């Protein structure tokens, strides 16, 4: 089984992105699953062009996109992506769409085709902080999730998005919401195993 796993480069005021740091720690294979790892730009629509190219090149059985979620301390398994770009800050190329559809006249929303409930239950059983999320936001993470689900609609490719909390390297105050990299890695490996 080939799993395409993506993460994002740093953006905004951050020097690192917890999703990218986590991606770098993953092995090339977990059990019988080959991991195809790549980092994407935090740029509206550009990230989806790269995903389409990767889908064509590697023919994955599943796509698991990762992104950073400040203000959280759980692995957030995203359930739905909506057809809306609405950026509170510019992306890494200065784009800042406000209240714009991702795909004009496209579907309103897509549900993840990953086994989200099964993934959630697996992490709960391992006592790894997790939650099901019903909003991937309206920034580049949601844009990528929506495009990826649109591209894989009607195919066998299971597709979805996981938000990763800030890591311990990104917080000066340990009371600020975050999740240590080791726990995030254990959780992500378990999510991959569930696939």
N, C-alpha and C. Protein backbone atom coordinates (compact mmCIF):
# COMPACT_ATOMS: atom_id res chain seq x y z
N UNK A 1 0.85 -1.19 0.00
CA UNK A 1 0.00 0.00 0.00
C UNK A 1 0.88 1.24 0.00
N UNK A 2 0.62 2.17 -0.92
CA UNK A 2 1.35 3.43 -0.99
C UNK A 2 0.52 4.55 -0.38
N UNK A 3 1.11 5.26 0.58
CA UNK A 3 0.42 6.38 1.23
C UNK A 3 1.20 7.66 0.97
N UNK A 4 0.54 8.61 0.33
CA UNK A 4 1.13 9.93 0.11
C UNK A 4 0.86 10.76 1.36
N UNK A 5 1.93 11.21 2.00
CA UNK A 5 1.80 12.03 3.21
C UNK A 5 2.45 13.38 2.94
N UNK A 6 1.66 14.43 3.10
CA UNK A 6 2.17 15.78 2.85
C UNK A 6 2.18 16.58 4.15
N UNK A 7 3.05 17.58 4.18
CA UNK A 7 3.09 18.53 5.28
C UNK A 7 3.34 19.90 4.67
N UNK A 8 3.25 20.92 5.47
CA UNK A 8 3.44 22.29 4.99
C UNK A 8 4.73 22.90 5.51
N UNK A 9 5.28 23.79 4.69
CA UNK A 9 6.43 24.61 5.09
C UNK A 9 5.98 25.60 6.17
N UNK A 10 6.93 26.27 6.86
CA UNK A 10 6.55 27.31 7.82
C UNK A 10 5.80 28.45 7.14
N UNK A 11 4.97 29.15 7.91
CA UNK A 11 4.21 30.28 7.35
C UNK A 11 3.98 31.30 8.45
N UNK A 12 3.51 32.46 8.05
CA UNK A 12 3.23 33.53 9.01
C UNK A 12 4.49 33.92 9.75
N UNK A 13 4.40 33.99 11.07
CA UNK A 13 5.54 34.40 11.90
C UNK A 13 6.37 33.21 12.40
N UNK A 14 6.00 32.00 12.00
CA UNK A 14 6.69 30.81 12.50
C UNK A 14 7.92 30.46 11.67
N UNK A 15 8.99 30.06 12.37
CA UNK A 15 10.21 29.61 11.69
C UNK A 15 10.15 28.14 11.34
N UNK A 16 9.31 27.40 12.06
CA UNK A 16 9.13 25.98 11.76
C UNK A 16 7.64 25.68 11.69
N UNK A 17 7.32 24.56 11.09
CA UNK A 17 5.94 24.09 11.01
C UNK A 17 5.91 22.70 11.62
N UNK A 18 5.08 22.51 12.63
CA UNK A 18 5.07 21.23 13.35
C UNK A 18 4.73 20.06 12.43
N UNK A 19 3.92 20.29 11.41
CA UNK A 19 3.58 19.19 10.48
C UNK A 19 4.81 18.75 9.69
N UNK A 20 5.62 19.71 9.27
CA UNK A 20 6.83 19.38 8.50
C UNK A 20 7.88 18.71 9.39
N UNK A 21 8.02 19.22 10.62
CA UNK A 21 8.98 18.61 11.54
C UNK A 21 8.59 17.16 11.83
N UNK A 22 7.30 16.90 11.96
CA UNK A 22 6.81 15.55 12.20
C UNK A 22 7.04 14.67 10.97
N UNK A 23 6.75 15.19 9.80
CA UNK A 23 6.95 14.44 8.55
C UNK A 23 8.39 13.96 8.43
N UNK A 24 9.34 14.80 8.82
CA UNK A 24 10.76 14.45 8.70
C UNK A 24 11.16 13.29 9.60
N UNK A 25 10.38 13.03 10.65
CA UNK A 25 10.72 11.94 11.58
C UNK A 25 10.17 10.58 11.13
N UNK A 26 9.30 10.58 10.13
CA UNK A 26 8.65 9.33 9.72
C UNK A 26 9.60 8.45 8.92
N UNK A 27 9.51 7.14 9.10
CA UNK A 27 10.31 6.22 8.28
C UNK A 27 9.74 6.15 6.86
N UNK A 28 10.44 5.44 5.98
CA UNK A 28 9.96 5.28 4.60
C UNK A 28 8.89 4.19 4.51
N UNK A 29 8.80 3.34 5.53
CA UNK A 29 7.83 2.27 5.50
C UNK A 29 7.35 1.97 6.92
N UNK A 30 6.05 1.72 7.06
CA UNK A 30 5.46 1.27 8.32
C UNK A 30 4.63 0.03 7.99
N UNK A 31 5.01 -1.09 8.60
CA UNK A 31 4.39 -2.38 8.28
C UNK A 31 4.51 -2.59 6.76
N UNK A 32 3.41 -2.83 6.07
CA UNK A 32 3.47 -3.05 4.62
C UNK A 32 3.12 -1.79 3.84
N UNK A 33 3.18 -0.65 4.51
CA UNK A 33 2.79 0.62 3.90
C UNK A 33 4.02 1.45 3.52
N UNK A 34 4.13 1.78 2.24
CA UNK A 34 5.21 2.63 1.75
C UNK A 34 4.76 4.09 1.89
N UNK A 35 5.57 4.92 2.55
CA UNK A 35 5.23 6.32 2.76
C UNK A 35 5.95 7.19 1.74
N UNK A 36 5.18 7.91 0.97
CA UNK A 36 5.74 8.88 0.03
C UNK A 36 5.54 10.24 0.67
N UNK A 37 6.63 10.84 1.15
CA UNK A 37 6.56 12.06 1.95
C UNK A 37 6.96 13.28 1.13
N UNK A 38 6.20 14.35 1.30
CA UNK A 38 6.56 15.58 0.59
C UNK A 38 6.08 16.80 1.37
N UNK A 39 6.80 17.90 1.19
CA UNK A 39 6.42 19.16 1.83
C UNK A 39 5.83 20.08 0.76
N UNK A 40 4.79 20.78 1.14
CA UNK A 40 4.08 21.65 0.20
C UNK A 40 4.21 23.11 0.61
N UNK A 41 4.07 24.02 -0.36
CA UNK A 41 4.09 25.45 -0.03
C UNK A 41 2.77 25.87 0.59
N UNK A 42 2.83 26.83 1.49
CA UNK A 42 1.62 27.40 2.07
C UNK A 42 1.14 28.50 1.12
N UNK A 43 0.60 28.03 0.00
CA UNK A 43 0.13 28.93 -1.06
C UNK A 43 -1.19 28.38 -1.60
N UNK A 44 -2.22 29.20 -1.56
CA UNK A 44 -3.53 28.79 -2.06
C UNK A 44 -3.42 28.24 -3.48
N UNK A 45 -4.04 27.12 -3.71
CA UNK A 45 -4.16 26.44 -5.01
C UNK A 45 -2.84 25.87 -5.54
N UNK A 46 -1.71 26.52 -5.28
CA UNK A 46 -0.42 25.99 -5.74
C UNK A 46 -0.14 24.63 -5.11
N UNK A 47 -0.51 24.49 -3.82
CA UNK A 47 -0.30 23.21 -3.14
C UNK A 47 -1.11 22.10 -3.82
N UNK A 48 -2.28 22.43 -4.33
CA UNK A 48 -3.12 21.41 -4.96
C UNK A 48 -2.59 21.00 -6.33
N UNK A 49 -1.94 21.90 -7.02
CA UNK A 49 -1.32 21.56 -8.31
C UNK A 49 -0.24 20.51 -8.07
N UNK A 50 0.53 20.68 -7.00
CA UNK A 50 1.57 19.71 -6.67
C UNK A 50 0.97 18.36 -6.26
N UNK A 51 -0.14 18.40 -5.52
CA UNK A 51 -0.81 17.15 -5.14
C UNK A 51 -1.28 16.40 -6.38
N UNK A 52 -1.86 17.11 -7.34
CA UNK A 52 -2.33 16.46 -8.56
C UNK A 52 -1.18 15.79 -9.29
N UNK A 53 -0.05 16.47 -9.36
CA UNK A 53 1.13 15.91 -10.00
C UNK A 53 1.61 14.65 -9.28
N UNK A 54 1.60 14.69 -7.95
CA UNK A 54 2.02 13.53 -7.16
C UNK A 54 1.06 12.35 -7.33
N UNK A 55 -0.22 12.64 -7.37
CA UNK A 55 -1.22 11.58 -7.58
C UNK A 55 -0.94 10.89 -8.92
N UNK A 56 -0.67 11.69 -9.94
CA UNK A 56 -0.38 11.13 -11.27
C UNK A 56 0.90 10.31 -11.27
N UNK A 57 1.91 10.78 -10.52
CA UNK A 57 3.23 10.14 -10.53
C UNK A 57 3.29 8.86 -9.70
N UNK A 58 2.66 8.86 -8.52
CA UNK A 58 2.86 7.74 -7.60
C UNK A 58 1.63 6.85 -7.40
N UNK A 59 0.48 7.24 -7.93
CA UNK A 59 -0.75 6.45 -7.81
C UNK A 59 -0.96 5.94 -6.38
N UNK A 60 -1.14 6.83 -5.42
CA UNK A 60 -1.28 6.38 -4.03
C UNK A 60 -2.60 5.66 -3.78
N UNK A 61 -2.60 4.82 -2.76
CA UNK A 61 -3.83 4.19 -2.29
C UNK A 61 -4.54 5.08 -1.27
N UNK A 62 -3.77 5.97 -0.64
CA UNK A 62 -4.34 6.89 0.34
C UNK A 62 -3.51 8.17 0.36
N UNK A 63 -4.17 9.26 0.73
CA UNK A 63 -3.50 10.55 0.89
C UNK A 63 -3.83 11.07 2.28
N UNK A 64 -2.79 11.35 3.05
CA UNK A 64 -2.96 11.92 4.38
C UNK A 64 -2.19 13.24 4.41
N UNK A 65 -2.93 14.34 4.38
CA UNK A 65 -2.31 15.66 4.43
C UNK A 65 -2.21 16.11 5.88
N UNK A 66 -1.08 16.73 6.21
CA UNK A 66 -0.85 17.23 7.56
C UNK A 66 -0.71 18.75 7.53
N UNK A 67 -1.18 19.39 8.57
CA UNK A 67 -1.01 20.82 8.70
C UNK A 67 -0.87 21.19 10.17
N UNK A 68 -0.43 22.40 10.42
CA UNK A 68 -0.21 22.87 11.79
C UNK A 68 -1.45 23.57 12.33
N UNK A 69 -1.77 23.28 13.59
CA UNK A 69 -2.91 23.92 14.25
C UNK A 69 -2.48 24.52 15.57
N UNK A 70 -2.23 25.81 15.59
CA UNK A 70 -1.93 26.49 16.84
C UNK A 70 -3.18 26.53 17.72
N UNK A 71 -2.97 26.59 19.02
CA UNK A 71 -4.09 26.69 19.94
C UNK A 71 -4.75 25.37 20.28
N UNK A 72 -4.16 24.28 19.83
CA UNK A 72 -4.73 22.96 20.11
C UNK A 72 -3.67 22.10 20.77
N UNK A 73 -4.09 21.05 21.46
CA UNK A 73 -3.14 20.11 22.06
C UNK A 73 -3.52 18.67 21.76
N UNK A 74 -4.33 18.50 20.70
CA UNK A 74 -4.74 17.17 20.27
C UNK A 74 -4.49 17.02 18.77
N UNK A 75 -4.26 15.78 18.33
CA UNK A 75 -4.25 15.51 16.91
C UNK A 75 -5.69 15.65 16.43
N UNK A 76 -5.91 16.55 15.49
CA UNK A 76 -7.27 16.84 15.00
C UNK A 76 -7.51 16.11 13.70
N UNK A 77 -8.40 15.16 13.73
CA UNK A 77 -8.76 14.40 12.53
C UNK A 77 -9.90 15.17 11.86
N UNK A 78 -9.60 15.76 10.71
CA UNK A 78 -10.60 16.59 10.04
C UNK A 78 -11.62 15.72 9.31
N UNK A 79 -12.88 16.05 9.50
CA UNK A 79 -13.97 15.26 8.93
C UNK A 79 -14.50 15.89 7.64
N UNK A 80 -14.43 17.22 7.53
CA UNK A 80 -15.06 17.89 6.38
C UNK A 80 -14.23 19.08 5.91
N UNK A 81 -14.24 19.29 4.59
CA UNK A 81 -13.62 20.47 3.98
C UNK A 81 -14.73 21.23 3.26
N UNK A 82 -14.69 22.55 3.35
CA UNK A 82 -15.74 23.36 2.71
C UNK A 82 -15.15 24.16 1.54
N UNK A 83 -16.01 24.52 0.61
CA UNK A 83 -15.62 25.22 -0.61
C UNK A 83 -15.50 26.72 -0.35
N UNK A 84 -14.53 27.09 0.48
CA UNK A 84 -14.37 28.50 0.85
C UNK A 84 -12.92 28.82 1.20
N UNK A 85 -12.40 29.86 0.57
CA UNK A 85 -11.13 30.46 0.96
C UNK A 85 -11.45 31.77 1.67
N UNK A 86 -10.93 31.93 2.89
CA UNK A 86 -11.15 33.16 3.64
C UNK A 86 -9.96 33.31 4.59
N UNK A 87 -8.95 34.03 4.16
CA UNK A 87 -7.66 34.07 4.86
C UNK A 87 -7.55 35.25 5.80
N UNK A 88 -7.26 34.97 7.08
CA UNK A 88 -7.05 36.07 8.03
C UNK A 88 -5.65 36.66 7.88
N UNK A 89 -4.71 35.85 7.32
CA UNK A 89 -3.36 36.34 7.02
C UNK A 89 -3.01 35.92 5.59
N UNK A 90 -2.09 36.63 4.94
CA UNK A 90 -1.70 36.23 3.59
C UNK A 90 -0.97 34.89 3.61
N UNK A 91 -1.03 34.17 2.49
CA UNK A 91 -0.23 32.95 2.36
C UNK A 91 1.22 33.35 2.07
N UNK A 92 2.07 32.38 1.79
CA UNK A 92 3.50 32.68 1.63
C UNK A 92 3.86 33.40 0.33
N UNK A 93 2.86 33.64 -0.52
CA UNK A 93 3.09 34.46 -1.72
C UNK A 93 2.25 35.73 -1.69
N UNK A 94 1.71 36.04 -0.52
CA UNK A 94 0.96 37.29 -0.35
C UNK A 94 -0.50 37.23 -0.75
N UNK A 95 -1.00 36.06 -1.16
CA UNK A 95 -2.41 35.93 -1.51
C UNK A 95 -3.26 35.95 -0.24
N UNK A 96 -4.36 36.69 -0.27
CA UNK A 96 -5.26 36.73 0.87
C UNK A 96 -6.71 36.79 0.40
N UNK A 97 -7.19 35.66 -0.14
CA UNK A 97 -8.58 35.65 -0.60
C UNK A 97 -9.56 35.81 0.57
N UNK A 98 -10.61 36.55 0.32
CA UNK A 98 -11.64 36.77 1.33
C UNK A 98 -12.97 36.30 0.76
N UNK A 99 -13.60 35.36 1.46
CA UNK A 99 -14.95 34.91 1.10
C UNK A 99 -15.07 34.51 -0.38
N UNK A 100 -14.11 33.69 -0.84
CA UNK A 100 -14.12 33.24 -2.23
C UNK A 100 -14.27 31.72 -2.29
N UNK A 101 -15.03 31.21 -3.27
CA UNK A 101 -15.10 29.76 -3.41
C UNK A 101 -13.76 29.19 -3.85
N UNK A 102 -13.45 28.00 -3.42
CA UNK A 102 -12.23 27.33 -3.88
C UNK A 102 -12.41 26.92 -5.34
N UNK A 103 -13.55 26.32 -5.65
CA UNK A 103 -13.90 25.95 -7.02
C UNK A 103 -15.25 26.58 -7.32
N UNK A 104 -15.24 27.51 -8.27
CA UNK A 104 -16.49 28.18 -8.66
C UNK A 104 -17.51 27.14 -9.11
N UNK A 105 -18.71 27.23 -8.57
CA UNK A 105 -19.79 26.29 -8.89
C UNK A 105 -19.45 24.84 -8.52
N UNK A 106 -18.48 24.66 -7.61
CA UNK A 106 -18.12 23.32 -7.15
C UNK A 106 -19.04 22.86 -6.04
N UNK A 107 -18.83 21.64 -5.57
CA UNK A 107 -19.60 21.12 -4.44
C UNK A 107 -19.39 22.02 -3.22
N UNK A 108 -20.38 22.05 -2.35
CA UNK A 108 -20.31 22.90 -1.15
C UNK A 108 -19.26 22.38 -0.18
N UNK A 109 -19.18 21.07 -0.04
CA UNK A 109 -18.25 20.46 0.93
C UNK A 109 -17.97 19.02 0.53
N UNK A 110 -16.89 18.49 1.09
CA UNK A 110 -16.55 17.07 0.94
C UNK A 110 -16.22 16.51 2.31
N UNK A 111 -16.67 15.29 2.55
CA UNK A 111 -16.28 14.58 3.75
C UNK A 111 -15.00 13.79 3.48
N UNK A 112 -14.14 13.73 4.49
CA UNK A 112 -12.94 12.89 4.41
C UNK A 112 -13.34 11.47 4.04
N UNK A 113 -12.53 10.82 3.23
CA UNK A 113 -12.78 9.41 2.91
C UNK A 113 -11.85 8.49 3.70
N UNK A 114 -11.05 9.08 4.61
CA UNK A 114 -10.29 8.27 5.55
C UNK A 114 -11.27 7.69 6.58
N UNK A 115 -10.92 6.60 7.25
CA UNK A 115 -11.79 6.05 8.29
C UNK A 115 -11.67 6.87 9.57
N UNK A 116 -12.24 8.07 9.56
CA UNK A 116 -12.01 9.04 10.63
C UNK A 116 -12.43 8.53 12.01
N UNK A 117 -13.59 7.90 12.10
CA UNK A 117 -14.05 7.42 13.40
C UNK A 117 -13.15 6.30 13.92
N UNK A 118 -12.77 5.40 13.04
CA UNK A 118 -11.88 4.30 13.43
C UNK A 118 -10.51 4.85 13.88
N UNK A 119 -10.02 5.86 13.18
CA UNK A 119 -8.75 6.49 13.56
C UNK A 119 -8.85 7.14 14.93
N UNK A 120 -9.94 7.86 15.14
CA UNK A 120 -10.18 8.52 16.43
C UNK A 120 -10.21 7.50 17.57
N UNK A 121 -10.96 6.41 17.38
CA UNK A 121 -11.07 5.38 18.42
C UNK A 121 -9.72 4.72 18.69
N UNK A 122 -8.91 4.52 17.65
CA UNK A 122 -7.59 3.90 17.82
C UNK A 122 -6.69 4.78 18.68
N UNK A 123 -6.72 6.09 18.45
CA UNK A 123 -5.89 7.00 19.25
C UNK A 123 -6.40 7.10 20.69
N UNK A 124 -7.72 7.11 20.85
CA UNK A 124 -8.28 7.14 22.20
C UNK A 124 -7.84 5.90 22.99
N UNK A 125 -7.85 4.75 22.34
CA UNK A 125 -7.46 3.50 22.98
C UNK A 125 -6.00 3.56 23.43
N UNK A 126 -5.15 4.25 22.66
CA UNK A 126 -3.72 4.39 23.00
C UNK A 126 -3.47 5.58 23.93
N UNK A 127 -4.55 6.28 24.32
CA UNK A 127 -4.47 7.45 25.20
C UNK A 127 -3.62 8.58 24.60
N UNK A 128 -3.74 8.74 23.29
CA UNK A 128 -3.07 9.83 22.59
C UNK A 128 -4.11 10.93 22.38
N UNK A 129 -3.81 12.16 22.80
CA UNK A 129 -4.80 13.24 22.67
C UNK A 129 -5.27 13.40 21.22
N UNK A 130 -6.58 13.34 21.04
CA UNK A 130 -7.16 13.42 19.70
C UNK A 130 -8.57 13.95 19.77
N UNK A 131 -9.04 14.42 18.64
CA UNK A 131 -10.46 14.76 18.52
C UNK A 131 -10.84 14.80 17.05
N UNK A 132 -12.12 14.55 16.82
CA UNK A 132 -12.67 14.72 15.49
C UNK A 132 -13.02 16.20 15.34
N UNK A 133 -12.66 16.77 14.21
CA UNK A 133 -12.91 18.19 13.97
C UNK A 133 -13.83 18.32 12.76
N UNK A 134 -14.78 19.24 12.87
CA UNK A 134 -15.75 19.43 11.80
C UNK A 134 -15.54 20.76 11.08
N UNK A 135 -14.33 21.31 11.22
CA UNK A 135 -13.94 22.49 10.45
C UNK A 135 -12.43 22.51 10.28
N UNK A 136 -11.99 22.38 9.04
CA UNK A 136 -10.56 22.47 8.73
C UNK A 136 -10.15 23.93 8.52
N UNK A 137 -11.04 24.85 8.89
CA UNK A 137 -10.77 26.27 8.74
C UNK A 137 -11.09 26.75 7.33
N UNK A 138 -10.53 27.90 6.97
CA UNK A 138 -10.75 28.45 5.63
C UNK A 138 -9.43 28.94 5.02
N UNK A 139 -8.33 28.43 5.58
CA UNK A 139 -7.00 28.84 5.10
C UNK A 139 -6.48 27.76 4.14
N UNK A 140 -5.18 27.67 3.97
CA UNK A 140 -4.59 26.78 2.97
C UNK A 140 -4.83 25.30 3.30
N UNK A 141 -4.91 24.96 4.58
CA UNK A 141 -5.17 23.56 4.96
C UNK A 141 -6.50 23.08 4.38
N UNK A 142 -7.55 23.86 4.60
CA UNK A 142 -8.87 23.52 4.06
C UNK A 142 -8.83 23.51 2.53
N UNK A 143 -8.13 24.47 1.95
CA UNK A 143 -8.00 24.55 0.49
C UNK A 143 -7.40 23.26 -0.06
N UNK A 144 -6.33 22.78 0.57
CA UNK A 144 -5.68 21.54 0.13
C UNK A 144 -6.59 20.34 0.33
N UNK A 145 -7.25 20.26 1.49
CA UNK A 145 -8.14 19.13 1.75
C UNK A 145 -9.27 19.09 0.73
N UNK A 146 -9.87 20.25 0.47
CA UNK A 146 -10.97 20.31 -0.49
C UNK A 146 -10.52 19.88 -1.88
N UNK A 147 -9.42 20.46 -2.35
CA UNK A 147 -8.90 20.10 -3.68
C UNK A 147 -8.57 18.60 -3.75
N UNK A 148 -7.93 18.07 -2.72
CA UNK A 148 -7.53 16.66 -2.73
C UNK A 148 -8.75 15.74 -2.80
N UNK A 149 -9.78 16.07 -2.04
CA UNK A 149 -11.00 15.26 -2.07
C UNK A 149 -11.72 15.39 -3.40
N UNK A 150 -11.69 16.58 -3.98
CA UNK A 150 -12.28 16.77 -5.31
C UNK A 150 -11.55 15.93 -6.35
N UNK A 151 -10.21 15.91 -6.27
CA UNK A 151 -9.40 15.14 -7.23
C UNK A 151 -9.62 13.64 -7.12
N UNK A 152 -9.86 13.18 -5.89
CA UNK A 152 -9.96 11.72 -5.67
C UNK A 152 -11.41 11.24 -5.61
N UNK A 153 -12.35 12.15 -5.84
CA UNK A 153 -13.77 11.79 -5.82
C UNK A 153 -14.04 10.66 -6.83
N UNK A 154 -14.72 9.63 -6.39
CA UNK A 154 -15.05 8.52 -7.28
C UNK A 154 -13.92 7.54 -7.54
N UNK A 155 -12.79 7.70 -6.84
CA UNK A 155 -11.66 6.78 -6.99
C UNK A 155 -11.54 5.92 -5.73
N UNK A 156 -10.60 5.00 -5.75
CA UNK A 156 -10.34 4.15 -4.57
C UNK A 156 -9.45 4.85 -3.55
N UNK A 157 -8.93 6.04 -3.87
CA UNK A 157 -7.93 6.70 -3.02
C UNK A 157 -8.59 7.32 -1.79
N UNK A 158 -8.27 6.80 -0.62
CA UNK A 158 -8.78 7.35 0.64
C UNK A 158 -8.01 8.64 0.94
N UNK A 159 -8.74 9.71 1.24
CA UNK A 159 -8.12 11.03 1.33
C UNK A 159 -8.63 11.79 2.55
N UNK A 160 -7.72 12.49 3.22
CA UNK A 160 -8.13 13.31 4.34
C UNK A 160 -7.01 14.16 4.90
N UNK A 161 -7.28 14.79 6.03
CA UNK A 161 -6.38 15.79 6.59
C UNK A 161 -6.30 15.64 8.11
N UNK A 162 -5.09 15.77 8.63
CA UNK A 162 -4.85 15.73 10.09
C UNK A 162 -4.13 17.02 10.49
N UNK A 163 -4.67 17.71 11.49
CA UNK A 163 -4.00 18.89 12.02
C UNK A 163 -3.13 18.49 13.21
N UNK A 164 -1.90 18.98 13.20
CA UNK A 164 -0.91 18.67 14.22
C UNK A 164 -0.74 19.91 15.12
N UNK A 165 -0.80 19.75 16.45
CA UNK A 165 -0.58 20.90 17.33
C UNK A 165 0.86 21.45 17.21
N UNK A 166 1.06 22.62 17.76
CA UNK A 166 2.42 23.15 17.87
C UNK A 166 3.26 22.14 18.64
N UNK A 167 4.55 22.09 18.34
CA UNK A 167 5.47 21.20 19.05
C UNK A 167 6.10 21.94 20.22
N UNK A 168 6.83 21.18 21.04
CA UNK A 168 7.47 21.78 22.21
C UNK A 168 8.51 22.83 21.82
N UNK A 169 9.10 22.70 20.61
CA UNK A 169 10.09 23.69 20.16
C UNK A 169 9.47 25.04 19.84
N UNK A 170 8.15 25.07 19.66
CA UNK A 170 7.49 26.29 19.22
C UNK A 170 6.88 27.11 20.34
N UNK A 171 6.94 26.60 21.57
CA UNK A 171 6.32 27.32 22.68
C UNK A 171 7.36 27.70 23.73
N UNK A 172 7.31 28.94 24.17
CA UNK A 172 8.20 29.41 25.24
C UNK A 172 7.63 29.08 26.60
N UNK A 173 6.31 29.04 26.65
CA UNK A 173 5.59 28.81 27.90
C UNK A 173 4.92 27.45 27.80
N UNK A 174 5.28 26.53 28.70
CA UNK A 174 4.76 25.16 28.61
C UNK A 174 3.25 25.08 28.84
N UNK A 175 2.64 26.16 29.32
CA UNK A 175 1.19 26.15 29.50
C UNK A 175 0.45 26.46 28.19
N UNK A 176 1.20 26.95 27.19
CA UNK A 176 0.59 27.23 25.88
C UNK A 176 0.24 25.91 25.21
N UNK A 177 -0.94 25.79 24.59
CA UNK A 177 -1.34 24.51 23.98
C UNK A 177 -0.31 24.00 22.97
N UNK A 178 0.09 22.74 23.16
CA UNK A 178 1.04 22.09 22.27
C UNK A 178 1.00 20.60 22.55
N UNK A 179 1.70 19.83 21.73
CA UNK A 179 1.84 18.40 21.94
C UNK A 179 3.26 18.03 21.56
N UNK A 180 3.94 17.29 22.44
CA UNK A 180 5.34 16.96 22.17
C UNK A 180 5.45 16.10 20.90
N UNK A 181 6.55 16.27 20.21
CA UNK A 181 6.76 15.62 18.92
C UNK A 181 6.69 14.10 19.02
N UNK A 182 7.21 13.53 20.09
CA UNK A 182 7.18 12.07 20.25
C UNK A 182 5.75 11.55 20.31
N UNK A 183 4.88 12.23 21.06
CA UNK A 183 3.48 11.81 21.14
C UNK A 183 2.79 11.99 19.80
N UNK A 184 3.06 13.11 19.13
CA UNK A 184 2.48 13.33 17.80
C UNK A 184 2.91 12.24 16.84
N UNK A 185 4.19 11.85 16.91
CA UNK A 185 4.69 10.81 16.02
C UNK A 185 4.02 9.47 16.31
N UNK A 186 3.90 9.12 17.58
CA UNK A 186 3.21 7.86 17.94
C UNK A 186 1.79 7.87 17.40
N UNK A 187 1.12 9.00 17.55
CA UNK A 187 -0.25 9.11 17.08
C UNK A 187 -0.34 8.98 15.57
N UNK A 188 0.54 9.65 14.86
CA UNK A 188 0.51 9.60 13.40
C UNK A 188 0.79 8.20 12.89
N UNK A 189 1.75 7.53 13.50
CA UNK A 189 2.06 6.15 13.10
C UNK A 189 0.84 5.25 13.33
N UNK A 190 0.12 5.47 14.42
CA UNK A 190 -1.09 4.69 14.68
C UNK A 190 -2.16 4.99 13.62
N UNK A 191 -2.29 6.23 13.23
CA UNK A 191 -3.26 6.58 12.19
C UNK A 191 -2.91 5.89 10.87
N UNK A 192 -1.63 5.84 10.55
CA UNK A 192 -1.18 5.16 9.33
C UNK A 192 -1.47 3.67 9.42
N UNK A 193 -1.26 3.09 10.58
CA UNK A 193 -1.55 1.65 10.76
C UNK A 193 -3.03 1.37 10.57
N UNK A 194 -3.89 2.26 11.01
CA UNK A 194 -5.34 2.06 10.86
C UNK A 194 -5.71 1.96 9.38
N UNK A 195 -5.00 2.68 8.54
CA UNK A 195 -5.28 2.60 7.09
C UNK A 195 -5.00 1.21 6.54
